[in-house]
Amino acid sequence: MDANILGVRLDEGVRLMPRPRRFAELSAALVDLLTTPCMSPSQCRALLGILQWHNLLARPAFSALGRVYTFAMKEDERMTRVGADVMDEI
């Protein structure tokens, strides 16, 4: 049985996977970020929201985003170059 449930794909009735279209959109956003590693903390929070949703399928991945969470919580909303430590986690 295949189905889409709350933005997640149930594959063959046994595996939860990101829906292909959403995963492709996330991948494109990450490629853009790798090309131009600049974003505001609010943009980072939006990206984190999507990453967190997908990380629910692989819960240990949550522990790999500590520096990204710190960047996302900055109060200065100006676009800024993202540090290598944050980019490594993304």
N, C-alpha and C. Protein backbone atom coordinates (compact mmCIF):
# COMPACT_ATOMS: atom_id res chain seq x y z
N MET A 1 0.83 -1.18 0.00
CA MET A 1 0.00 0.00 0.00
C MET A 1 0.88 1.24 0.00
N ASP A 2 0.66 2.13 -0.94
CA ASP A 2 1.35 3.41 -1.01
C ASP A 2 0.34 4.51 -0.71
N ALA A 3 0.78 5.53 0.04
CA ALA A 3 -0.13 6.63 0.36
C ALA A 3 0.68 7.84 0.79
N ASN A 4 0.07 9.02 0.71
CA ASN A 4 0.63 10.25 1.26
C ASN A 4 -0.13 10.58 2.53
N ILE A 5 0.60 10.74 3.62
CA ILE A 5 -0.01 11.01 4.91
C ILE A 5 0.70 12.20 5.54
N LEU A 6 0.00 13.32 5.70
CA LEU A 6 0.58 14.51 6.34
C LEU A 6 1.92 14.91 5.74
N GLY A 7 2.03 14.86 4.44
CA GLY A 7 3.25 15.29 3.77
C GLY A 7 4.36 14.26 3.77
N VAL A 8 4.04 13.05 4.18
CA VAL A 8 5.02 11.97 4.21
C VAL A 8 4.48 10.84 3.35
N ARG A 9 5.37 10.19 2.67
CA ARG A 9 4.98 9.08 1.78
C ARG A 9 5.09 7.77 2.54
N LEU A 10 4.02 7.00 2.55
CA LEU A 10 4.04 5.63 3.07
C LEU A 10 4.31 4.73 1.88
N ASP A 11 5.45 4.09 1.88
CA ASP A 11 5.91 3.30 0.74
C ASP A 11 5.72 1.81 1.05
N GLU A 12 4.96 1.14 0.21
CA GLU A 12 4.70 -0.29 0.33
C GLU A 12 4.14 -0.66 1.70
N GLY A 13 3.51 0.29 2.36
CA GLY A 13 2.89 0.03 3.65
C GLY A 13 3.86 -0.18 4.80
N VAL A 14 5.17 0.01 4.56
CA VAL A 14 6.14 -0.27 5.63
C VAL A 14 7.17 0.83 5.88
N ARG A 15 7.40 1.72 4.92
CA ARG A 15 8.45 2.74 5.07
C ARG A 15 7.85 4.13 4.96
N LEU A 16 8.28 5.02 5.86
CA LEU A 16 7.91 6.42 5.75
C LEU A 16 9.05 7.16 5.07
N MET A 17 8.71 7.94 4.05
CA MET A 17 9.72 8.66 3.28
C MET A 17 9.19 10.06 2.97
N PRO A 18 10.11 11.03 2.75
CA PRO A 18 9.63 12.35 2.30
C PRO A 18 8.96 12.20 0.94
N ARG A 19 7.93 13.03 0.71
CA ARG A 19 7.32 13.03 -0.62
C ARG A 19 8.34 13.54 -1.62
N PRO A 20 8.44 12.91 -2.79
CA PRO A 20 9.49 13.28 -3.76
C PRO A 20 9.50 14.76 -4.13
N ARG A 21 8.34 15.37 -4.35
CA ARG A 21 8.32 16.78 -4.75
C ARG A 21 8.86 17.68 -3.63
N ARG A 22 8.43 17.44 -2.40
CA ARG A 22 8.93 18.25 -1.29
C ARG A 22 10.42 18.04 -1.07
N PHE A 23 10.86 16.80 -1.22
CA PHE A 23 12.29 16.52 -1.06
C PHE A 23 13.09 17.22 -2.15
N ALA A 24 12.57 17.26 -3.36
CA ALA A 24 13.24 17.96 -4.46
C ALA A 24 13.32 19.45 -4.19
N GLU A 25 12.24 20.04 -3.66
CA GLU A 25 12.25 21.46 -3.32
C GLU A 25 13.27 21.76 -2.22
N LEU A 26 13.32 20.89 -1.20
CA LEU A 26 14.31 21.06 -0.13
C LEU A 26 15.72 20.95 -0.69
N SER A 27 15.94 19.98 -1.55
CA SER A 27 17.27 19.79 -2.16
C SER A 27 17.68 21.01 -2.96
N ALA A 28 16.75 21.58 -3.72
CA ALA A 28 17.05 22.79 -4.51
C ALA A 28 17.42 23.95 -3.60
N ALA A 29 16.68 24.11 -2.49
CA ALA A 29 16.99 25.19 -1.55
C ALA A 29 18.37 25.00 -0.94
N LEU A 30 18.73 23.77 -0.62
CA LEU A 30 20.04 23.50 -0.04
C LEU A 30 21.16 23.74 -1.05
N VAL A 31 20.93 23.40 -2.31
CA VAL A 31 21.92 23.68 -3.36
C VAL A 31 22.11 25.19 -3.50
N ASP A 32 21.01 25.95 -3.48
CA ASP A 32 21.12 27.41 -3.54
C ASP A 32 21.93 27.94 -2.36
N LEU A 33 21.68 27.40 -1.18
CA LEU A 33 22.40 27.84 0.01
C LEU A 33 23.88 27.49 -0.09
N LEU A 34 24.20 26.34 -0.63
CA LEU A 34 25.61 25.96 -0.81
C LEU A 34 26.30 26.88 -1.81
N THR A 35 25.56 27.31 -2.83
CA THR A 35 26.10 28.20 -3.85
C THR A 35 26.33 29.60 -3.29
N THR A 36 25.37 30.09 -2.52
CA THR A 36 25.45 31.42 -1.90
C THR A 36 25.10 31.26 -0.43
N PRO A 37 26.09 31.01 0.42
CA PRO A 37 25.81 30.72 1.83
C PRO A 37 25.46 31.96 2.65
N CYS A 38 24.37 32.61 2.28
CA CYS A 38 23.87 33.77 3.02
C CYS A 38 22.38 33.59 3.27
N MET A 39 21.95 33.92 4.48
CA MET A 39 20.53 33.91 4.80
C MET A 39 20.32 34.67 6.10
N SER A 40 19.11 35.05 6.34
CA SER A 40 18.76 35.71 7.59
C SER A 40 18.35 34.63 8.60
N PRO A 41 18.35 34.96 9.88
CA PRO A 41 17.88 33.97 10.86
C PRO A 41 16.44 33.52 10.59
N SER A 42 15.56 34.40 10.12
CA SER A 42 14.18 33.97 9.84
C SER A 42 14.14 33.00 8.65
N GLN A 43 14.99 33.21 7.66
CA GLN A 43 15.07 32.26 6.56
C GLN A 43 15.60 30.92 7.07
N CYS A 44 16.55 30.99 8.00
CA CYS A 44 17.08 29.77 8.59
C CYS A 44 15.99 29.03 9.35
N ARG A 45 15.14 29.76 10.07
CA ARG A 45 14.04 29.12 10.80
C ARG A 45 13.08 28.43 9.84
N ALA A 46 12.81 29.04 8.70
CA ALA A 46 11.93 28.41 7.70
C ALA A 46 12.56 27.12 7.18
N LEU A 47 13.85 27.17 6.89
CA LEU A 47 14.55 25.98 6.43
C LEU A 47 14.55 24.91 7.51
N LEU A 48 14.79 25.32 8.76
CA LEU A 48 14.78 24.37 9.87
C LEU A 48 13.42 23.69 10.02
N GLY A 49 12.35 24.44 9.80
CA GLY A 49 11.03 23.84 9.90
C GLY A 49 10.87 22.67 8.94
N ILE A 50 11.35 22.85 7.73
CA ILE A 50 11.26 21.78 6.73
C ILE A 50 12.20 20.63 7.11
N LEU A 51 13.43 20.97 7.52
CA LEU A 51 14.38 19.93 7.91
C LEU A 51 13.85 19.13 9.11
N GLN A 52 13.27 19.82 10.08
CA GLN A 52 12.73 19.13 11.26
C GLN A 52 11.62 18.17 10.87
N TRP A 53 10.76 18.60 9.96
CA TRP A 53 9.68 17.73 9.51
C TRP A 53 10.25 16.44 8.93
N HIS A 54 11.27 16.57 8.09
CA HIS A 54 11.88 15.38 7.49
C HIS A 54 12.70 14.60 8.51
N ASN A 55 13.28 15.29 9.49
CA ASN A 55 14.06 14.60 10.51
C ASN A 55 13.19 13.75 11.42
N LEU A 56 11.89 14.01 11.44
CA LEU A 56 11.01 13.14 12.22
C LEU A 56 11.08 11.70 11.71
N LEU A 57 11.47 11.56 10.45
CA LEU A 57 11.63 10.22 9.88
C LEU A 57 12.96 9.58 10.26
N ALA A 58 13.89 10.39 10.72
CA ALA A 58 15.22 9.91 11.14
C ALA A 58 15.60 10.69 12.39
N ARG A 59 14.99 10.36 13.52
CA ARG A 59 15.08 11.17 14.73
C ARG A 59 16.51 11.48 15.18
N PRO A 60 17.50 10.61 15.04
CA PRO A 60 18.85 11.00 15.48
C PRO A 60 19.41 12.22 14.75
N ALA A 61 18.84 12.54 13.59
CA ALA A 61 19.32 13.70 12.83
C ALA A 61 19.09 15.01 13.58
N PHE A 62 18.11 15.06 14.50
CA PHE A 62 17.86 16.28 15.27
C PHE A 62 19.10 16.73 16.02
N SER A 63 19.88 15.79 16.53
CA SER A 63 21.04 16.14 17.36
C SER A 63 22.16 16.76 16.54
N ALA A 64 22.07 16.75 15.24
CA ALA A 64 23.14 17.26 14.38
C ALA A 64 22.95 18.71 13.98
N LEU A 65 22.00 19.42 14.58
CA LEU A 65 21.68 20.78 14.13
C LEU A 65 21.89 21.84 15.20
N GLY A 66 22.72 21.61 16.19
CA GLY A 66 22.91 22.55 17.30
C GLY A 66 23.34 23.94 16.87
N ARG A 67 24.32 24.04 16.00
CA ARG A 67 24.81 25.35 15.54
C ARG A 67 23.79 26.04 14.64
N VAL A 68 23.03 25.26 13.89
CA VAL A 68 21.99 25.82 13.04
C VAL A 68 20.90 26.45 13.92
N TYR A 69 20.51 25.76 15.00
CA TYR A 69 19.51 26.32 15.92
C TYR A 69 20.03 27.63 16.53
N THR A 70 21.30 27.67 16.91
CA THR A 70 21.87 28.89 17.48
C THR A 70 21.80 30.04 16.48
N PHE A 71 22.15 29.78 15.21
CA PHE A 71 22.08 30.81 14.18
C PHE A 71 20.64 31.28 14.00
N ALA A 72 19.70 30.35 13.98
CA ALA A 72 18.29 30.68 13.74
C ALA A 72 17.70 31.55 14.85
N MET A 73 18.26 31.48 16.04
CA MET A 73 17.72 32.24 17.17
C MET A 73 18.30 33.65 17.28
N LYS A 74 19.20 34.04 16.38
CA LYS A 74 19.76 35.39 16.42
C LYS A 74 18.65 36.42 16.26
N GLU A 75 18.79 37.54 16.94
CA GLU A 75 17.78 38.59 16.88
C GLU A 75 17.97 39.51 15.69
N ASP A 76 19.18 39.64 15.20
CA ASP A 76 19.48 40.50 14.05
C ASP A 76 18.99 39.78 12.80
N GLU A 77 17.99 40.35 12.12
CA GLU A 77 17.36 39.69 10.97
C GLU A 77 18.02 40.02 9.63
N ARG A 78 19.14 40.71 9.65
CA ARG A 78 19.80 41.02 8.38
C ARG A 78 20.41 39.77 7.76
N MET A 79 20.44 39.77 6.41
CA MET A 79 21.12 38.70 5.70
C MET A 79 22.58 38.71 6.11
N THR A 80 23.12 37.54 6.33
CA THR A 80 24.50 37.44 6.74
C THR A 80 25.12 36.18 6.16
N ARG A 81 26.41 36.22 6.01
CA ARG A 81 27.11 35.03 5.54
C ARG A 81 27.02 33.97 6.62
N VAL A 82 26.69 32.78 6.22
CA VAL A 82 26.53 31.67 7.17
C VAL A 82 27.90 31.04 7.39
N GLY A 83 28.25 30.85 8.66
CA GLY A 83 29.56 30.28 9.00
C GLY A 83 29.71 28.84 8.54
N ALA A 84 30.94 28.43 8.38
CA ALA A 84 31.24 27.07 7.93
C ALA A 84 30.68 26.03 8.90
N ASP A 85 30.69 26.34 10.21
CA ASP A 85 30.18 25.38 11.19
C ASP A 85 28.68 25.13 11.00
N VAL A 86 27.93 26.18 10.68
CA VAL A 86 26.50 26.04 10.40
C VAL A 86 26.30 25.30 9.09
N MET A 87 27.04 25.67 8.07
CA MET A 87 26.91 25.01 6.77
C MET A 87 27.25 23.52 6.88
N ASP A 88 28.23 23.17 7.69
CA ASP A 88 28.58 21.75 7.86
C ASP A 88 27.40 20.97 8.42
N GLU A 89 26.65 21.56 9.35
CA GLU A 89 25.51 20.86 9.91
C GLU A 89 24.35 20.76 8.93
N ILE A 90 24.16 21.81 8.14
CA ILE A 90 23.08 21.78 7.15
C ILE A 90 23.43 20.75 6.08
